[in-house]
PDB file of N, CA and C in Angstrom:
ATOM      1  N   MET A   1      43.482   6.863 -11.947  1.00  0.00           N
ATOM      2  CA  MET A   1      43.172   5.662 -12.666  1.00  0.00           C
ATOM      3  C   MET A   1      42.944   4.556 -11.646  1.00  0.00           C
ATOM      4  N   SER A   2      41.908   3.763 -11.819  1.00  0.00           N
ATOM      5  CA  SER A   2      41.671   2.659 -10.903  1.00  0.00           C
ATOM      6  C   SER A   2      41.233   1.445 -11.694  1.00  0.00           C
ATOM      7  N   THR A   3      41.631   0.282 -11.211  1.00  0.00           N
ATOM      8  CA  THR A   3      41.275  -0.987 -11.841  1.00  0.00           C
ATOM      9  C   THR A   3      40.648  -1.871 -10.781  1.00  0.00           C
ATOM     10  N   ARG A   4      39.611  -2.579 -11.151  1.00  0.00           N
ATOM     11  CA  ARG A   4      38.888  -3.427 -10.199  1.00  0.00           C
ATOM     12  C   ARG A   4      39.089  -4.891 -10.588  1.00  0.00           C
ATOM     13  N   PHE A   5      39.485  -5.692  -9.604  1.00  0.00           N
ATOM     14  CA  PHE A   5      39.639  -7.127  -9.783  1.00  0.00           C
ATOM     15  C   PHE A   5      38.626  -7.795  -8.861  1.00  0.00           C
ATOM     16  N   GLU A   6      37.782  -8.659  -9.413  1.00  0.00           N
ATOM     17  CA  GLU A   6      36.743  -9.298  -8.608  1.00  0.00           C
ATOM     18  C   GLU A   6      37.024 -10.779  -8.410  1.00  0.00           C
ATOM     19  N   HIS A   7      36.600 -11.285  -7.260  1.00  0.00           N
ATOM     20  CA  HIS A   7      36.632 -12.708  -6.937  1.00  0.00           C
ATOM     21  C   HIS A   7      38.041 -13.291  -7.029  1.00  0.00           C
ATOM     22  N   ILE A   8      38.965 -12.662  -6.371  1.00  0.00           N
ATOM     23  CA  ILE A   8      40.344 -13.141  -6.358  1.00  0.00           C
ATOM     24  C   ILE A   8      40.510 -14.052  -5.143  1.00  0.00           C
ATOM     25  N   SER A   9      41.087 -15.208  -5.361  1.00  0.00           N
ATOM     26  CA  SER A   9      41.321 -16.112  -4.234  1.00  0.00           C
ATOM     27  C   SER A   9      42.563 -15.644  -3.481  1.00  0.00           C
ATOM     28  N   PRO A  10      42.615 -15.900  -2.175  1.00  0.00           N
ATOM     29  CA  PRO A  10      43.771 -15.465  -1.385  1.00  0.00           C
ATOM     30  C   PRO A  10      45.088 -16.026  -1.905  1.00  0.00           C
ATOM     31  N   GLU A  11      45.051 -17.176  -2.534  1.00  0.00           N
ATOM     32  CA  GLU A  11      46.289 -17.776  -3.047  1.00  0.00           C
ATOM     33  C   GLU A  11      46.923 -16.926  -4.144  1.00  0.00           C
ATOM     34  N   LYS A  12      46.111 -16.104  -4.804  1.00  0.00           N
ATOM     35  CA  LYS A  12      46.624 -15.279  -5.897  1.00  0.00           C
ATOM     36  C   LYS A  12      47.077 -13.892  -5.425  1.00  0.00           C
ATOM     37  N   LEU A  13      46.837 -13.583  -4.148  1.00  0.00           N
ATOM     38  CA  LEU A  13      47.253 -12.296  -3.607  1.00  0.00           C
ATOM     39  C   LEU A  13      48.633 -12.422  -2.977  1.00  0.00           C
ATOM     40  N   PRO A  14      49.374 -11.326  -2.885  1.00  0.00           N
ATOM     41  CA  PRO A  14      50.623 -11.389  -2.137  1.00  0.00           C
ATOM     42  C   PRO A  14      50.350 -11.837  -0.701  1.00  0.00           C
ATOM     43  N   ALA A  15      51.251 -12.609  -0.151  1.00  0.00           N
ATOM     44  CA  ALA A  15      51.069 -13.170   1.193  1.00  0.00           C
ATOM     45  C   ALA A  15      50.825 -12.082   2.232  1.00  0.00           C
ATOM     46  N   GLU A  16      51.493 -10.927   2.072  1.00  0.00           N
ATOM     47  CA  GLU A  16      51.314  -9.836   3.034  1.00  0.00           C
ATOM     48  C   GLU A  16      49.866  -9.340   3.038  1.00  0.00           C
ATOM     49  N   TRP A  17      49.250  -9.293   1.872  1.00  0.00           N
ATOM     50  CA  TRP A  17      47.858  -8.830   1.776  1.00  0.00           C
ATOM     51  C   TRP A  17      46.927  -9.836   2.446  1.00  0.00           C
ATOM     52  N   THR A  18      47.179 -11.102   2.162  1.00  0.00           N
ATOM     53  CA  THR A  18      46.332 -12.143   2.736  1.00  0.00           C
ATOM     54  C   THR A  18      46.382 -12.082   4.259  1.00  0.00           C
ATOM     55  N   ARG A  19      47.579 -11.931   4.813  1.00  0.00           N
ATOM     56  CA  ARG A  19      47.717 -11.823   6.273  1.00  0.00           C
ATOM     57  C   ARG A  19      47.048 -10.564   6.793  1.00  0.00           C
ATOM     58  N   ALA A  20      47.281  -9.428   6.122  1.00  0.00           N
ATOM     59  CA  ALA A  20      46.727  -8.153   6.591  1.00  0.00           C
ATOM     60  C   ALA A  20      45.200  -8.166   6.558  1.00  0.00           C
ATOM     61  N   LEU A  21      44.619  -8.845   5.583  1.00  0.00           N
ATOM     62  CA  LEU A  21      43.162  -8.901   5.464  1.00  0.00           C
ATOM     63  C   LEU A  21      42.558 -10.027   6.292  1.00  0.00           C
ATOM     64  N   GLY A  22      43.406 -10.903   6.818  1.00  0.00           N
ATOM     65  CA  GLY A  22      42.903 -12.024   7.616  1.00  0.00           C
ATOM     66  C   GLY A  22      42.104 -13.016   6.796  1.00  0.00           C
ATOM     67  N   LEU A  23      42.499 -13.242   5.554  1.00  0.00           N
ATOM     68  CA  LEU A  23      41.756 -14.132   4.662  1.00  0.00           C
ATOM     69  C   LEU A  23      42.088 -15.590   4.928  1.00  0.00           C
ATOM     70  N   LYS A  24      41.097 -16.414   4.727  1.00  0.00           N
ATOM     71  CA  LYS A  24      41.259 -17.851   4.893  1.00  0.00           C
ATOM     72  C   LYS A  24      41.053 -18.501   3.525  1.00  0.00           C
ATOM     73  N   PRO A  25      41.641 -19.694   3.320  1.00  0.00           N
ATOM     74  CA  PRO A  25      41.452 -20.385   2.035  1.00  0.00           C
ATOM     75  C   PRO A  25      39.960 -20.540   1.719  1.00  0.00           C
ATOM     76  N   GLY A  26      39.622 -20.331   0.465  1.00  0.00           N
ATOM     77  CA  GLY A  26      38.237 -20.448   0.032  1.00  0.00           C
ATOM     78  C   GLY A  26      37.494 -19.121   0.023  1.00  0.00           C
ATOM     79  N   GLN A  27      37.998 -18.127   0.750  1.00  0.00           N
ATOM     80  CA  GLN A  27      37.357 -16.816   0.724  1.00  0.00           C
ATOM     81  C   GLN A  27      37.750 -16.101  -0.562  1.00  0.00           C
ATOM     82  N   ARG A  28      36.883 -15.219  -1.014  1.00  0.00           N
ATOM     83  CA  ARG A  28      37.152 -14.437  -2.216  1.00  0.00           C
ATOM     84  C   ARG A  28      37.096 -12.960  -1.840  1.00  0.00           C
ATOM     85  N   VAL A  29      37.818 -12.167  -2.557  1.00  0.00           N
ATOM     86  CA  VAL A  29      37.846 -10.730  -2.278  1.00  0.00           C
ATOM     87  C   VAL A  29      37.688  -9.947  -3.560  1.00  0.00           C
ATOM     88  N   ILE A  30      37.340  -8.683  -3.403  1.00  0.00           N
ATOM     89  CA  ILE A  30      37.328  -7.720  -4.505  1.00  0.00           C
ATOM     90  C   ILE A  30      38.412  -6.697  -4.170  1.00  0.00           C
ATOM     91  N   VAL A  31      39.296  -6.495  -5.107  1.00  0.00           N
ATOM     92  CA  VAL A  31      40.414  -5.576  -4.899  1.00  0.00           C
ATOM     93  C   VAL A  31      40.317  -4.458  -5.923  1.00  0.00           C
ATOM     94  N   THR A  32      40.418  -3.208  -5.447  1.00  0.00           N
ATOM     95  CA  THR A  32      40.493  -2.060  -6.342  1.00  0.00           C
ATOM     96  C   THR A  32      41.869  -1.450  -6.192  1.00  0.00           C
ATOM     97  N   VAL A  33      42.562  -1.301  -7.293  1.00  0.00           N
ATOM     98  CA  VAL A  33      43.905  -0.744  -7.280  1.00  0.00           C
ATOM     99  C   VAL A  33      43.835   0.642  -7.904  1.00  0.00           C
ATOM    100  N   GLU A  34      44.320   1.632  -7.164  1.00  0.00           N
ATOM    101  CA  GLU A  34      44.351   2.997  -7.681  1.00  0.00           C
ATOM    102  C   GLU A  34      45.802   3.428  -7.851  1.00  0.00           C
ATOM    103  N   ALA A  35      46.064   4.039  -8.973  1.00  0.00           N
ATOM    104  CA  ALA A  35      47.411   4.519  -9.248  1.00  0.00           C
ATOM    105  C   ALA A  35      47.373   6.026  -9.427  1.00  0.00           C
ATOM    106  N   GLU A  36      48.317   6.709  -8.833  1.00  0.00           N
ATOM    107  CA  GLU A  36      48.436   8.159  -8.977  1.00  0.00           C
ATOM    108  C   GLU A  36      49.678   8.486  -9.772  1.00  0.00           C
ATOM    109  N   ALA A  37      49.552   9.466 -10.621  1.00  0.00           N
ATOM    110  CA  ALA A  37      50.736   9.953 -11.323  1.00  0.00           C
ATOM    111  C   ALA A  37      51.606  10.695 -10.309  1.00  0.00           C
ATOM    112  N   PRO A  38      52.899  10.517 -10.376  1.00  0.00           N
ATOM    113  CA  PRO A  38      53.756  11.227  -9.425  1.00  0.00           C
ATOM    114  C   PRO A  38      53.641  12.734  -9.625  1.00  0.00           C
ATOM    115  N   ARG A  39      53.676  13.455  -8.524  1.00  0.00           N
ATOM    116  CA  ARG A  39      53.611  14.915  -8.605  1.00  0.00           C
ATOM    117  C   ARG A  39      54.916  15.428  -9.182  1.00  0.00           C
ATOM    118  N   LYS A  40      54.776  16.322 -10.107  1.00  0.00           N
ATOM    119  CA  LYS A  40      55.965  16.911 -10.710  1.00  0.00           C
ATOM    120  C   LYS A  40      56.446  18.051  -9.823  1.00  0.00           C
ATOM    121  N   SER A  41      57.711  18.022  -9.527  1.00  0.00           N
ATOM    122  CA  SER A  41      58.260  19.106  -8.718  1.00  0.00           C
ATOM    123  C   SER A  41      58.685  20.233  -9.660  1.00  0.00           C
ATOM    124  N   PHE A  42      58.873  21.393  -9.098  1.00  0.00           N
ATOM    125  CA  PHE A  42      59.328  22.499  -9.917  1.00  0.00           C
ATOM    126  C   PHE A  42      60.622  23.029  -9.336  1.00  0.00           C
ATOM    127  N   ASP A  43      61.384  23.641 -10.189  1.00  0.00           N
ATOM    128  CA  ASP A  43      62.691  24.163  -9.807  1.00  0.00           C
ATOM    129  C   ASP A  43      62.530  25.636  -9.454  1.00  0.00           C
ATOM    130  N   ARG A  44      62.445  25.913  -8.151  1.00  0.00           N
ATOM    131  CA  ARG A  44      62.231  27.284  -7.689  1.00  0.00           C
ATOM    132  C   ARG A  44      63.333  28.217  -8.187  1.00  0.00           C
ATOM    133  N   ALA A  45      64.567  27.757  -8.183  1.00  0.00           N
ATOM    134  CA  ALA A  45      65.684  28.598  -8.630  1.00  0.00           C
ATOM    135  C   ALA A  45      65.526  28.971 -10.104  1.00  0.00           C
ATOM    136  N   ALA A  46      65.074  28.023 -10.918  1.00  0.00           N
ATOM    137  CA  ALA A  46      64.886  28.315 -12.340  1.00  0.00           C
ATOM    138  C   ALA A  46      63.768  29.331 -12.538  1.00  0.00           C
ATOM    139  N   ILE A  47      62.697  29.221 -11.761  1.00  0.00           N
ATOM    140  CA  ILE A  47      61.592  30.178 -11.868  1.00  0.00           C
ATOM    141  C   ILE A  47      62.057  31.567 -11.442  1.00  0.00           C
ATOM    142  N   GLU A  48      62.795  31.636 -10.336  1.00  0.00           N
ATOM    143  CA  GLU A  48      63.294  32.938  -9.882  1.00  0.00           C
ATOM    144  C   GLU A  48      64.265  33.545 -10.891  1.00  0.00           C
ATOM    145  N   ALA A  49      65.090  32.725 -11.538  1.00  0.00           N
ATOM    146  CA  ALA A  49      66.022  33.228 -12.560  1.00  0.00           C
ATOM    147  C   ALA A  49      65.249  33.765 -13.762  1.00  0.00           C
ATOM    148  N   ALA A  50      64.193  33.060 -14.157  1.00  0.00           N
ATOM    149  CA  ALA A  50      63.381  33.534 -15.283  1.00  0.00           C
ATOM    150  C   ALA A  50      62.708  34.852 -14.941  1.00  0.00           C
ATOM    151  N   LEU A  51      62.189  34.980 -13.714  1.00  0.00           N
ATOM    152  CA  LEU A  51      61.566  36.241 -13.294  1.00  0.00           C
ATOM    153  C   LEU A  51      62.581  37.371 -13.270  1.00  0.00           C
ATOM    154  N   ALA A  52      63.791  37.093 -12.837  1.00  0.00           N
ATOM    155  CA  ALA A  52      64.832  38.111 -12.816  1.00  0.00           C
ATOM    156  C   ALA A  52      65.146  38.589 -14.232  1.00  0.00           C
ATOM    157  N   ARG A  53      65.184  37.658 -15.188  1.00  0.00           N
ATOM    158  CA  ARG A  53      65.424  38.046 -16.589  1.00  0.00           C
ATOM    159  C   ARG A  53      64.270  38.893 -17.118  1.00  0.00           C
ATOM    160  N   LEU A  54      63.032  38.527 -16.759  1.00  0.00           N
ATOM    161  CA  LEU A  54      61.882  39.306 -17.217  1.00  0.00           C
ATOM    162  C   LEU A  54      61.900  40.728 -16.670  1.00  0.00           C
ATOM    163  N   LYS A  55      62.306  40.870 -15.411  1.00  0.00           N
ATOM    164  CA  LYS A  55      62.350  42.205 -14.794  1.00  0.00           C
ATOM    165  C   LYS A  55      63.359  43.116 -15.470  1.00  0.00           C
ATOM    166  N   LYS A  56      64.371  42.529 -16.111  1.00  0.00           N
ATOM    167  CA  LYS A  56      65.406  43.326 -16.780  1.00  0.00           C
ATOM    168  C   LYS A  56      64.992  43.789 -18.179  1.00  0.00           C
ATOM    169  N   LEU A  57      63.907  43.238 -18.701  1.00  0.00           N
ATOM    170  CA  LEU A  57      63.467  43.632 -20.038  1.00  0.00           C
ATOM    171  C   LEU A  57      62.980  45.075 -20.036  1.00  0.00           C
ATOM    172  N   PRO A  58      63.187  45.793 -21.128  1.00  0.00           N
ATOM    173  CA  PRO A  58      62.741  47.182 -21.184  1.00  0.00           C
ATOM    174  C   PRO A  58      61.220  47.288 -21.274  1.00  0.00           C
ATOM    175  N   VAL A  59      60.673  48.372 -20.739  1.00  0.00           N
ATOM    176  CA  VAL A  59      59.243  48.661 -20.849  1.00  0.00           C
ATOM    177  C   VAL A  59      59.032  49.305 -22.212  1.00  0.00           C
ATOM    178  N   LEU A  60      58.215  48.698 -23.059  1.00  0.00           N
ATOM    179  CA  LEU A  60      58.003  49.197 -24.406  1.00  0.00           C
ATOM    180  C   LEU A  60      56.803  50.121 -24.504  1.00  0.00           C
ATOM    181  N   ASP A  61      55.916  50.094 -23.515  1.00  0.00           N
ATOM    182  CA  ASP A  61      54.726  50.922 -23.543  1.00  0.00           C
ATOM    183  C   ASP A  61      54.432  51.362 -22.112  1.00  0.00           C
ATOM    184  N   GLU A  62      54.496  52.637 -21.838  1.00  0.00           N
ATOM    185  CA  GLU A  62      54.337  53.162 -20.485  1.00  0.00           C
ATOM    186  C   GLU A  62      52.873  53.289 -20.054  1.00  0.00           C
ATOM    187  N   ARG A  63      51.928  53.014 -20.961  1.00  0.00           N
ATOM    188  CA  ARG A  63      50.517  53.158 -20.596  1.00  0.00           C
ATOM    189  C   ARG A  63      50.116  52.116 -19.557  1.00  0.00           C
ATOM    190  N   THR A  64      49.074  52.418 -18.786  1.00  0.00           N
ATOM    191  CA  THR A  64      48.551  51.464 -17.816  1.00  0.00           C
ATOM    192  C   THR A  64      47.792  50.371 -18.562  1.00  0.00           C
ATOM    193  N   PRO A  65      47.590  49.235 -17.940  1.00  0.00           N
ATOM    194  CA  PRO A  65      46.808  48.183 -18.600  1.00  0.00           C
ATOM    195  C   PRO A  65      45.416  48.665 -19.002  1.00  0.00           C
ATOM    196  N   ASP A  66      44.749  49.478 -18.159  1.00  0.00           N
ATOM    197  CA  ASP A  66      43.426  49.985 -18.517  1.00  0.00           C
ATOM    198  C   ASP A  66      43.486  50.874 -19.756  1.00  0.00           C
ATOM    199  N   ASP A  67      44.526  51.700 -19.849  1.00  0.00           N
ATOM    200  CA  ASP A  67      44.668  52.542 -21.044  1.00  0.00           C
ATOM    201  C   ASP A  67      44.886  51.693 -22.293  1.00  0.00           C
ATOM    202  N   ILE A  68      45.682  50.664 -22.158  1.00  0.00           N
ATOM    203  CA  ILE A  68      45.960  49.799 -23.302  1.00  0.00           C
ATOM    204  C   ILE A  68      44.675  49.083 -23.740  1.00  0.00           C
ATOM    205  N   LEU A  69      43.882  48.605 -22.773  1.00  0.00           N
ATOM    206  CA  LEU A  69      42.650  47.898 -23.104  1.00  0.00           C
ATOM    207  C   LEU A  69      41.515  48.827 -23.473  1.00  0.00           C
ATOM    208  N   GLY A  70      41.636  50.097 -23.128  1.00  0.00           N
ATOM    209  CA  GLY A  70      40.632  51.075 -23.512  1.00  0.00           C
ATOM    210  C   GLY A  70      39.545  51.309 -22.477  1.00  0.00           C
ATOM    211  N   TYR A  71      39.889  51.274 -21.178  1.00  0.00           N
ATOM    212  CA  TYR A  71      38.912  51.562 -20.124  1.00  0.00           C
ATOM    213  C   TYR A  71      39.226  52.904 -19.480  1.00  0.00           C
ATOM    214  N   ASP A  72      38.165  53.622 -19.087  1.00  0.00           N
ATOM    215  CA  ASP A  72      38.374  54.918 -18.430  1.00  0.00           C
ATOM    216  C   ASP A  72      38.477  54.736 -16.925  1.00  0.00           C
ATOM    217  N   GLU A  73      38.516  55.873 -16.186  1.00  0.00           N
ATOM    218  CA  GLU A  73      38.662  55.823 -14.721  1.00  0.00           C
ATOM    219  C   GLU A  73      37.490  55.154 -14.020  1.00  0.00           C
ATOM    220  N   ASN A  74      36.345  55.023 -14.696  1.00  0.00           N
ATOM    221  CA  ASN A  74      35.160  54.357 -14.120  1.00  0.00           C
ATOM    222  C   ASN A  74      35.058  52.893 -14.538  1.00  0.00           C
ATOM    223  N   GLY A  75      36.056  52.388 -15.251  1.00  0.00           N
ATOM    224  CA  GLY A  75      36.036  51.004 -15.696  1.00  0.00           C
ATOM    225  C   GLY A  75      35.159  50.750 -16.900  1.00  0.00           C
ATOM    226  N   LEU A  76      34.772  51.831 -17.604  1.00  0.00           N
ATOM    227  CA  LEU A  76      33.933  51.698 -18.790  1.00  0.00           C
ATOM    228  C   LEU A  76      34.786  51.764 -20.039  1.00  0.00           C
ATOM    229  N   PRO A  77      34.390  51.023 -21.080  1.00  0.00           N
ATOM    230  CA  PRO A  77      35.155  51.084 -22.330  1.00  0.00           C
ATOM    231  C   PRO A  77      35.143  52.506 -22.908  1.00  0.00           C
ATOM    232  N   THR A  78      36.254  52.883 -23.469  1.00  0.00           N
ATOM    233  CA  THR A  78      36.318  54.227 -24.080  1.00  0.00           C
ATOM    234  C   THR A  78      36.179  54.151 -25.578  1.00  0.00           C
TER     235      THR A  78
END
């Protein structure tokens, strides 16, 4: 997300910005402000625990994925 502010006088900017940009009274600037959503972290331990629980589940169908989907040894539908 970005917002554009045009023709802002240095008096309306934070003093640190005015100094960093070297602005003098009477000068005007265009400022674009971009905001990023914070990156969401993930809980590796929780993911590993969920995978461990999944591995303990019983196998209900011993067929291969190709057999279940109906493909032969050549990758053609059966």
